Amino acid sequence: MILYHKTKRGSAAKQSGRLPISARTVSILVGCLLLLSASSLSALAQSGAADRTPAYRIGAEDVLEISVWREPELQREVLVRPDGGISFPLAGDIDVAGRTPREVEVDIAKRIRKYIPEAVVSVSVKKVSGYTIFVIGKVNNPGQFVLGRYVDVMQALTLAGGLTPYASEGNIKVLRRSKDDERTFDFEYNDVKKGRNLDQNIVLQSGDVVVVP
């Protein structure tokens, strides 16, 4: 009787075309799914970090390479003047400081399309000299820092050698001047060091001054 039931189950499995799945197979499948999920989450985290990185904004003394498609005489390197402007044939004087290369591309294209109706403009930053920050006060190495990438306040303080023992950690200020106004941002070093109030650890803009009293 027992043999008869085993034979019936085996026969039923063959007739349905399904084979029994072992516990080991299930374990392997679950493991693969977990790995895929972890990989997807990691990719999303990296994508989110990339999205938080601001687009580069052109600064004084940067060197730009500007070209117009099919117009070799309109391909040249241009130095951004201290006032933030450049001069380009057919486009005249353009204020580029504080703008992204893409924004400058669109501006130049609009200006020259009355001469070249289907102008396609390309702007790239060949040399970064305009992203400059200053750290002054009670740090070990105060001064001016010309950088090739954006940094936040904590990174700027690290570049300046960190705080001296006499620094007032709770009264650090970031001074930012634009054409229209001046702004001050508070920075509580001790909070950020402990992982609190991280939104105050702002990304610095070119020309920002970090003051450590």
Foldseek 3Di string as FASTA:
>chain_A
DVVVVVVVVVVVCVVVVHDDDDPVNVVVVVVVVVVVVVVVVVVVVVVVVVVPFDADAAFAQWKKWKDKPPCVVQTDIWGQHNVQWTQGPQQGIDRRGRHHQVVVQVSSCVRNCVPVVPIGMGMDGPGQFGQKEFEDDFAQAGDIDGDDGWAWPVVVSVVRHHGDPPWDQQAKWKWDDDPPGIDIQGHRRVQVVVVHPCVSRDTDGRPIYIYTD
